[in-house]
Amino acid sequence: MAKKGMELVTLQGRSRLVLGLLLATVSSAVGCGSTNAAPAIPAPEVEVASVVQKDVPIFSEWVATLDGYVNAQIQPQVTGYVIRQTYKEGSFVRKGQMLFQIDPRPFQALLDQASAQVAQAQAQLAKTAMDVDRDTPLAKERAIAQSQLDNDIQANRAAAAGVKAAEAQVEQARLNFDFTNVRSLIDGIAGIAQVQIGNLVNPTTVLTSVSQINPIKAYFSISEQEYMHYADRINAQTQKEIPPGAPPFELILADGSVYPQKGTGLLANRQVDVSTGSIQIVCSFPNPQNFLRPGQFGRLRAAPDIRRGALLVPQKAVSELQGSYQLAVVGADNKVSIRAVKVGDRVGPMWIVESGVKPDELVVVEGLQKIKNGATVKIKQPQAKGD
């Protein structure tokens, strides 16, 4: 019995020892957890850009329609049947080049008839001249009455006038004969023929059109307010006095490409359109290859104004919230300040800021979604070229 009691005492001691060790282990673990702090959250990494201050041109764009510098409607000056078309449609033609021929036979007959009438009038003039020469000495000798000589003189004058009238008829007949060859009035591109061989035409018939397209005109409209702003420069150009520093025009074509030649302003229309409140402006572009054609649409771009000392930030740095604009500015201590700003015109990838920032301040351009006002950030260093 004594031996069993001693074993029981030993087992109880061992149990207490194990329990103590377990309690010590738990206490140690708890103590370690309470002394070690949670790992700090790293500052978000952002990319920044400096606020740039410089003079920038302010571009404007307008929708433009192209038209020939001169557009000539080719119409006959006599009535007759078209017997020939002597040009290739859509080709370049020269001033005076024959485009159509009208049947000349009736006009040749009229010319021959008028020529015969001239010969007849000249014969009558010669007869009356002979009468005057014959009766003048007889009248002096009172062999004939003076009234007879007076009649001879008047008849001679009438015959001379008849010759001039007949010669005018010949000139008119010759002109009509020449008009049977319908010629181009200008150098330019000839359009599609509006008549066919054998058609009867008259002076109201449009045969085709020829457009001078080098240079070519571009028409666009600006508001009355814009006109008042640029009136001095526009009117100076109208007087053929190109003001110094006049901005050239760029033409953006329908496919988005930019026409390589620059345009210049020509004139403003005489009045403001009362229905739209706009005024039409005309400029011209060189077109040596005849690439541009009347009727094309495009967009004109020019920089009539220069903004002095403008503050520029990348457009992606600006965020919009309920109609207001904000920038995230990083200070010298790398803390972020969210500022409301007033923005102006966009210039390429940049945006003019009217107020809210200063030159050379740093604004966040990448990582805006990771920051908030007052947060500390880490500025991401730009990679070197070639990395």
Protein backbone atom coordinates (compact mmCIF):
# COMPACT_ATOMS: atom_id res chain seq x y z
CA MET A 1 0.00 0.00 0.00
CA ALA A 2 2.79 2.35 0.85
CA LYS A 3 4.42 1.59 -2.51
CA LYS A 4 1.19 2.33 -4.44
CA GLY A 5 0.80 5.63 -2.64
CA MET A 6 4.26 6.69 -3.52
CA GLU A 7 3.62 5.91 -7.27
CA LEU A 8 0.40 7.96 -7.15
CA VAL A 9 2.28 10.89 -5.67
CA THR A 10 4.90 10.62 -8.41
CA LEU A 11 2.26 10.58 -11.20
CA GLN A 12 0.58 13.65 -9.75
CA GLY A 13 3.89 15.48 -9.64
CA ARG A 14 4.61 14.65 -13.24
CA SER A 15 1.18 15.87 -14.30
CA ARG A 16 1.72 19.14 -12.50
CA LEU A 17 5.10 19.51 -14.22
CA VAL A 18 3.62 18.94 -17.71
CA LEU A 19 0.77 21.32 -16.97
CA GLY A 20 3.21 23.97 -15.82
CA LEU A 21 5.29 23.60 -18.95
CA LEU A 22 2.18 23.95 -21.11
CA LEU A 23 1.11 27.08 -19.23
CA ALA A 24 4.56 28.55 -19.61
CA THR A 25 4.56 27.85 -23.32
CA VAL A 26 1.15 29.49 -23.79
CA SER A 27 2.18 32.49 -21.71
CA SER A 28 5.35 32.85 -23.73
CA ALA A 29 3.39 32.72 -27.00
CA VAL A 30 0.90 35.29 -25.78
CA GLY A 31 3.68 37.53 -24.56
CA CYS A 32 5.45 37.38 -27.91
CA GLY A 33 2.21 38.28 -29.77
CA SER A 34 1.59 41.31 -27.63
CA THR A 35 5.08 42.76 -28.08
CA ASN A 36 5.44 42.43 -31.95
CA ALA A 37 3.58 45.26 -33.97
CA ALA A 38 1.67 44.50 -37.28
CA PRO A 39 3.74 45.11 -40.49
CA ALA A 40 3.37 48.68 -41.86
CA ILE A 41 1.44 49.21 -45.18
CA PRO A 42 3.89 50.47 -47.83
CA ALA A 43 3.25 53.90 -49.37
CA PRO A 44 1.59 53.65 -52.79
CA GLU A 45 3.89 54.20 -55.75
CA VAL A 46 2.79 56.88 -58.24
CA GLU A 47 4.12 58.49 -61.38
CA VAL A 48 4.28 62.28 -61.47
CA ALA A 49 4.85 65.07 -63.99
CA SER A 50 5.82 68.70 -63.54
CA VAL A 51 3.50 71.61 -64.26
CA VAL A 52 5.01 73.28 -67.35
CA GLN A 53 4.71 76.98 -68.09
CA LYS A 54 5.19 78.17 -71.68
CA ASP A 55 3.59 80.03 -74.57
CA VAL A 56 1.26 77.75 -76.53
CA PRO A 57 -0.78 78.29 -79.72
CA ILE A 58 -4.53 77.80 -79.30
CA PHE A 59 -5.89 75.80 -82.22
CA SER A 60 -9.42 75.99 -83.56
CA GLU A 61 -11.13 73.75 -86.09
CA TRP A 62 -13.94 74.37 -88.57
CA VAL A 63 -15.79 72.20 -91.07
CA ALA A 64 -14.89 73.27 -94.61
CA THR A 65 -16.17 72.64 -98.13
CA LEU A 66 -13.83 72.80 -101.13
CA ASP A 67 -14.74 74.51 -104.37
CA GLY A 68 -12.95 75.60 -107.52
CA TYR A 69 -11.10 78.89 -107.48
CA VAL A 70 -13.05 79.70 -110.65
CA ASN A 71 -16.00 77.61 -111.87
CA ALA A 72 -17.02 78.22 -115.48
CA GLN A 73 -20.23 76.83 -116.92
CA ILE A 74 -19.68 76.06 -120.58
CA GLN A 75 -22.73 77.13 -122.60
CA PRO A 76 -23.10 77.63 -126.36
CA GLN A 77 -23.73 81.07 -127.78
CA VAL A 78 -25.68 79.80 -130.79
CA THR A 79 -28.46 77.30 -131.36
CA GLY A 80 -27.68 74.11 -133.24
CA TYR A 81 -26.97 70.39 -133.14
CA VAL A 82 -23.90 69.04 -131.35
CA ILE A 83 -21.82 67.02 -133.84
CA ARG A 84 -18.55 66.51 -131.92
CA GLN A 85 -17.16 66.29 -128.39
CA THR A 86 -13.43 66.99 -128.56
CA TYR A 87 -12.26 66.64 -124.94
CA LYS A 88 -11.90 63.77 -122.48
CA GLU A 89 -14.22 64.13 -119.50
CA GLY A 90 -12.39 64.73 -116.23
CA SER A 91 -9.20 65.81 -117.99
CA PHE A 92 -7.25 69.05 -117.74
CA VAL A 93 -8.12 71.53 -120.51
CA ARG A 94 -6.55 74.81 -121.54
CA LYS A 95 -8.20 78.17 -122.03
CA GLY A 96 -9.42 78.39 -125.64
CA GLN A 97 -9.35 74.62 -126.18
CA MET A 98 -12.34 73.38 -128.19
CA LEU A 99 -14.68 71.15 -126.18
CA PHE A 100 -17.72 70.75 -128.48
CA GLN A 101 -18.59 71.51 -132.07
CA ILE A 102 -22.04 72.57 -133.24
CA ASP A 103 -23.06 71.94 -136.85
CA PRO A 104 -21.48 74.95 -138.64
CA ARG A 105 -23.22 74.68 -142.03
CA PRO A 106 -26.18 77.00 -141.32
CA PHE A 107 -23.79 79.60 -139.96
CA GLN A 108 -21.47 79.27 -142.94
CA ALA A 109 -24.43 79.96 -145.20
CA LEU A 110 -25.35 83.06 -143.20
CA LEU A 111 -21.75 84.25 -143.39
CA ASP A 112 -21.73 83.83 -147.17
CA GLN A 113 -25.02 85.70 -147.43
CA ALA A 114 -23.71 88.56 -145.29
CA SER A 115 -20.55 88.75 -147.39
CA ALA A 116 -22.67 89.03 -150.54
CA GLN A 117 -24.66 91.85 -148.97
CA VAL A 118 -21.42 93.70 -148.30
CA ALA A 119 -20.48 93.40 -151.96
CA GLN A 120 -23.92 94.68 -152.95
CA ALA A 121 -23.65 97.62 -150.54
CA GLN A 122 -20.18 98.47 -151.82
CA ALA A 123 -21.51 98.49 -155.42
CA GLN A 124 -24.28 100.86 -154.41
CA LEU A 125 -21.72 103.07 -152.68
CA ALA A 126 -19.60 103.17 -155.83
CA LYS A 127 -22.63 104.15 -157.98
CA THR A 128 -23.63 106.99 -155.67
CA ALA A 129 -20.04 108.21 -155.56
CA MET A 130 -20.04 108.35 -159.37
CA ASP A 131 -23.30 110.28 -159.34
CA VAL A 132 -21.83 112.85 -156.99
CA ASP A 133 -18.67 113.19 -159.06
CA ARG A 134 -20.72 113.64 -162.25
CA ASP A 135 -23.29 116.08 -160.92
CA THR A 136 -20.97 118.32 -158.90
CA PRO A 137 -19.56 120.30 -161.89
CA LEU A 138 -22.98 120.36 -163.57
CA ALA A 139 -24.51 121.92 -160.48
CA LYS A 140 -21.78 124.57 -160.43
CA GLU A 141 -22.60 125.48 -164.04
CA ARG A 142 -26.30 125.44 -163.17
CA ALA A 143 -26.85 122.72 -165.76
CA ILE A 144 -28.78 120.75 -163.17
CA ALA A 145 -30.67 121.78 -160.11
CA GLN A 146 -28.73 121.98 -156.84
CA SER A 147 -31.35 119.74 -155.25
CA GLN A 148 -30.35 116.90 -157.55
CA LEU A 149 -26.73 117.13 -156.33
CA ASP A 150 -27.95 117.24 -152.76
CA ASN A 151 -29.92 114.05 -153.38
CA ASP A 152 -26.82 112.41 -154.86
CA ILE A 153 -24.77 113.35 -151.82
CA GLN A 154 -27.39 111.98 -149.40
CA ALA A 155 -27.65 108.78 -151.40
CA ASN A 156 -23.87 108.39 -151.23
CA ARG A 157 -23.86 108.85 -147.48
CA ALA A 158 -26.68 106.33 -147.13
CA ALA A 159 -24.76 103.87 -149.28
CA ALA A 160 -21.65 104.32 -147.10
CA ALA A 161 -23.74 103.61 -144.01
CA GLY A 162 -25.20 100.58 -145.79
CA VAL A 163 -21.69 99.25 -146.36
CA LYS A 164 -20.86 99.57 -142.65
CA ALA A 165 -24.11 97.83 -141.69
CA ALA A 166 -23.39 95.01 -144.12
CA GLU A 167 -19.85 94.67 -142.77
CA ALA A 168 -21.28 94.45 -139.24
CA GLN A 169 -23.58 91.69 -140.39
CA VAL A 170 -20.54 89.87 -141.77
CA GLU A 171 -18.75 90.27 -138.44
CA GLN A 172 -21.78 88.94 -136.57
CA ALA A 173 -22.09 86.01 -138.97
CA ARG A 174 -18.38 85.27 -138.59
CA LEU A 175 -18.71 85.36 -134.79
CA ASN A 176 -21.66 82.96 -134.89
CA PHE A 177 -19.69 80.69 -137.17
CA ASP A 178 -16.77 80.75 -134.72
CA PHE A 179 -19.16 80.10 -131.83
CA THR A 180 -19.97 76.72 -133.34
CA ASN A 181 -16.64 75.67 -131.81
CA VAL A 182 -17.42 75.80 -128.08
CA ARG A 183 -14.19 76.50 -126.20
CA SER A 184 -13.05 76.46 -122.58
CA LEU A 185 -13.03 79.84 -120.88
CA ILE A 186 -10.29 78.95 -118.35
CA ASP A 187 -7.54 76.45 -117.59
CA GLY A 188 -8.94 73.72 -115.38
CA ILE A 189 -10.53 70.31 -114.98
CA ALA A 190 -13.45 69.66 -117.31
CA GLY A 191 -16.47 67.85 -115.93
CA ILE A 192 -18.76 65.22 -117.39
CA ALA A 193 -20.62 66.29 -120.52
CA GLN A 194 -24.27 67.14 -119.92
CA VAL A 195 -25.29 66.62 -123.58
CA GLN A 196 -24.81 63.91 -126.17
CA ILE A 197 -23.89 64.00 -129.84
CA GLY A 198 -26.95 64.99 -131.85
CA ASN A 199 -28.64 67.02 -129.08
CA LEU A 200 -30.13 70.36 -130.07
CA VAL A 201 -28.63 73.03 -127.80
CA ASN A 202 -29.17 76.74 -127.30
CA PRO A 203 -27.55 79.51 -125.24
CA THR A 204 -29.36 78.37 -122.06
CA THR A 205 -27.99 74.81 -122.29
CA VAL A 206 -25.14 73.86 -119.93
CA LEU A 207 -22.77 71.61 -121.87
CA THR A 208 -20.27 70.99 -119.04
CA SER A 209 -18.31 72.84 -116.36
CA VAL A 210 -14.62 73.63 -116.03
CA SER A 211 -13.08 74.39 -112.63
CA GLN A 212 -9.76 76.00 -111.89
CA ILE A 213 -8.53 73.99 -108.90
CA ASN A 214 -4.94 75.13 -108.50
CA PRO A 215 -5.23 76.88 -106.15
CA ILE A 216 -8.51 75.64 -104.71
CA LYS A 217 -10.82 77.46 -102.31
CA ALA A 218 -12.05 76.23 -98.94
CA TYR A 219 -15.22 77.73 -97.45
CA PHE A 220 -16.04 77.64 -93.74
CA SER A 221 -18.17 79.65 -91.31
CA ILE A 222 -17.34 81.29 -88.00
CA SER A 223 -19.65 82.83 -85.46
CA GLU A 224 -20.27 86.55 -85.31
CA GLN A 225 -18.36 86.69 -82.01
CA GLU A 226 -15.33 85.02 -83.57
CA TYR A 227 -15.49 87.42 -86.51
CA MET A 228 -15.51 90.44 -84.20
CA HIS A 229 -12.45 89.03 -82.41
CA TYR A 230 -10.47 88.49 -85.63
CA ALA A 231 -12.03 91.26 -87.78
CA ASP A 232 -8.86 93.36 -88.06
CA ARG A 233 -6.77 90.48 -89.34
CA ILE A 234 -9.49 89.17 -91.66
CA ASN A 235 -10.06 92.59 -93.21
CA ALA A 236 -6.32 93.12 -93.64
CA GLN A 237 -6.15 89.89 -95.64
CA THR A 238 -9.16 91.01 -97.68
CA GLN A 239 -7.15 94.06 -98.72
CA LYS A 240 -4.37 91.70 -99.88
CA GLU A 241 -2.18 92.78 -97.00
CA ILE A 242 -1.10 89.59 -95.25
CA PRO A 243 -0.51 90.66 -91.65
CA PRO A 244 2.79 89.55 -90.09
CA GLY A 245 2.40 86.30 -88.22
CA ALA A 246 -0.88 85.40 -89.93
CA PRO A 247 -1.56 81.76 -89.02
CA PRO A 248 -1.50 79.21 -91.85
CA PHE A 249 -4.42 76.83 -92.27
CA GLU A 250 -4.10 73.06 -92.16
CA LEU A 251 -6.59 70.89 -94.04
CA ILE A 252 -7.57 67.59 -92.41
CA LEU A 253 -9.08 65.31 -95.04
CA ALA A 254 -11.94 62.85 -94.68
CA ASP A 255 -9.57 59.94 -93.96
CA GLY A 256 -7.92 61.84 -91.11
CA SER A 257 -4.73 62.64 -93.01
CA VAL A 258 -3.35 66.17 -93.11
CA TYR A 259 -2.93 67.76 -96.53
CA PRO A 260 0.78 68.64 -96.90
CA GLN A 261 0.26 72.14 -98.34
CA LYS A 262 -0.64 75.04 -96.03
CA GLY A 263 -3.50 77.41 -96.83
CA THR A 264 -3.89 81.18 -96.50
CA GLY A 265 -6.92 83.30 -95.77
CA LEU A 266 -8.51 85.18 -98.66
CA LEU A 267 -11.65 87.03 -97.62
CA ALA A 268 -14.80 87.20 -95.56
CA ASN A 269 -18.28 87.29 -97.05
CA ARG A 270 -20.02 90.64 -97.27
CA GLN A 271 -22.65 89.85 -94.63
CA VAL A 272 -23.53 87.74 -91.62
CA ASP A 273 -26.10 85.04 -92.30
CA VAL A 274 -29.15 86.18 -90.33
CA SER A 275 -30.48 82.61 -90.03
CA THR A 276 -27.32 81.14 -88.47
CA GLY A 277 -25.52 84.15 -87.02
CA SER A 278 -22.32 83.14 -88.81
CA ILE A 279 -20.18 84.64 -91.54
CA GLN A 280 -18.49 82.73 -94.33
CA ILE A 281 -14.70 82.83 -94.61
CA VAL A 282 -12.70 81.77 -97.67
CA CYS A 283 -9.12 80.53 -97.78
CA SER A 284 -7.08 78.90 -100.54
CA PHE A 285 -4.70 75.96 -100.79
CA PRO A 286 -2.09 75.18 -103.45
CA ASN A 287 -3.15 72.12 -105.42
CA PRO A 288 -0.41 71.44 -107.99
CA GLN A 289 -1.24 67.74 -108.36
CA ASN A 290 -5.01 68.36 -108.66
CA PHE A 291 -5.45 66.07 -105.65
CA LEU A 292 -8.18 68.19 -104.09
CA ARG A 293 -11.49 68.46 -105.93
CA PRO A 294 -14.56 70.70 -105.61
CA GLY A 295 -17.20 69.29 -103.29
CA GLN A 296 -14.80 67.60 -100.88
CA PHE A 297 -15.34 68.06 -97.14
CA GLY A 298 -12.62 68.47 -94.56
CA ARG A 299 -11.67 70.22 -91.35
CA LEU A 300 -9.60 73.36 -91.23
CA ARG A 301 -7.24 73.88 -88.32
CA ALA A 302 -5.41 77.07 -87.42
CA ALA A 303 -3.92 78.74 -84.37
CA PRO A 304 -5.15 82.34 -84.48
CA ASP A 305 -4.25 82.94 -80.79
CA ILE A 306 -1.18 82.32 -78.63
CA ARG A 307 -1.62 81.84 -74.87
CA ARG A 308 1.30 83.49 -73.09
CA GLY A 309 2.71 81.77 -69.98
CA ALA A 310 0.10 79.01 -69.93
CA LEU A 311 0.33 76.30 -67.23
CA LEU A 312 0.17 72.83 -68.78
CA VAL A 313 -0.43 69.41 -67.22
CA PRO A 314 -0.97 66.04 -68.93
CA GLN A 315 -4.64 65.38 -69.62
CA LYS A 316 -4.47 62.04 -67.78
CA ALA A 317 -3.54 63.92 -64.59
CA VAL A 318 -6.93 65.66 -64.53
CA SER A 319 -9.91 63.86 -63.00
CA GLU A 320 -13.50 65.01 -63.29
CA LEU A 321 -16.01 64.71 -60.48
CA GLN A 322 -19.58 65.99 -60.93
CA GLY A 323 -18.58 68.69 -63.37
CA SER A 324 -15.55 69.89 -61.40
CA TYR A 325 -11.92 69.07 -62.10
CA GLN A 326 -9.21 67.94 -59.69
CA LEU A 327 -5.47 67.41 -59.60
CA ALA A 328 -3.44 65.35 -57.11
CA VAL A 329 -0.41 67.50 -56.22
CA VAL A 330 2.58 65.91 -54.48
CA GLY A 331 4.38 68.22 -52.06
CA ALA A 332 8.01 68.28 -50.96
CA ASP A 333 7.18 65.84 -48.10
CA ASN A 334 5.65 63.39 -50.62
CA LYS A 335 2.18 64.02 -49.24
CA VAL A 336 -0.75 64.31 -51.62
CA SER A 337 -3.01 67.33 -51.81
CA ILE A 338 -6.20 66.95 -53.84
CA ARG A 339 -6.98 70.36 -55.35
CA ALA A 340 -9.92 71.67 -57.34
CA VAL A 341 -8.66 73.41 -60.48
CA LYS A 342 -10.10 75.40 -63.35
CA VAL A 343 -9.12 74.04 -66.75
CA GLY A 344 -8.98 75.75 -70.14
CA ASP A 345 -8.21 74.58 -73.68
CA ARG A 346 -6.66 71.25 -74.53
CA VAL A 347 -3.38 71.40 -76.44
CA GLY A 348 -2.46 68.00 -77.84
CA PRO A 349 -1.94 65.60 -74.87
CA MET A 350 -1.77 68.55 -72.45
CA TRP A 351 -4.42 70.62 -70.71
CA ILE A 352 -4.17 74.29 -69.79
CA VAL A 353 -4.89 74.90 -66.10
CA GLU A 354 -6.28 78.35 -65.38
CA SER A 355 -5.91 78.22 -61.59
CA GLY A 356 -5.09 75.84 -58.75
CA VAL A 357 -1.45 74.97 -59.41
CA LYS A 358 1.90 76.68 -59.76
CA PRO A 359 4.76 76.15 -62.21
CA ASP A 360 7.05 73.17 -61.52
CA GLU A 361 4.69 71.55 -59.00
CA LEU A 362 4.36 67.79 -59.31
CA VAL A 363 1.02 66.25 -60.24
CA VAL A 364 0.13 62.55 -60.22
CA VAL A 365 -0.40 61.06 -63.69
CA GLU A 366 -0.40 57.33 -62.83
CA GLY A 367 -1.81 55.71 -59.70
CA LEU A 368 -4.64 58.16 -58.97
CA GLN A 369 -6.93 55.32 -57.88
CA LYS A 370 -4.48 54.30 -55.10
CA ILE A 371 -4.23 57.63 -53.28
CA LYS A 372 -6.31 59.93 -51.14
CA ASN A 373 -5.95 63.44 -49.76
CA GLY A 374 -3.14 63.69 -47.20
CA ALA A 375 -1.64 60.29 -48.02
CA THR A 376 2.10 59.81 -48.31
CA VAL A 377 3.24 58.38 -51.64
CA LYS A 378 6.40 57.06 -53.18
CA ILE A 379 7.35 58.72 -56.46
CA LYS A 380 8.12 56.19 -59.15
CA GLN A 381 11.36 56.95 -60.90
CA PRO A 382 11.10 56.92 -64.71
CA GLN A 383 12.98 54.11 -66.38
CA ALA A 384 16.06 54.99 -68.35
CA LYS A 385 15.83 54.73 -72.10
CA GLY A 386 16.77 51.29 -73.36
CA ASP A 387 15.58 49.45 -70.22
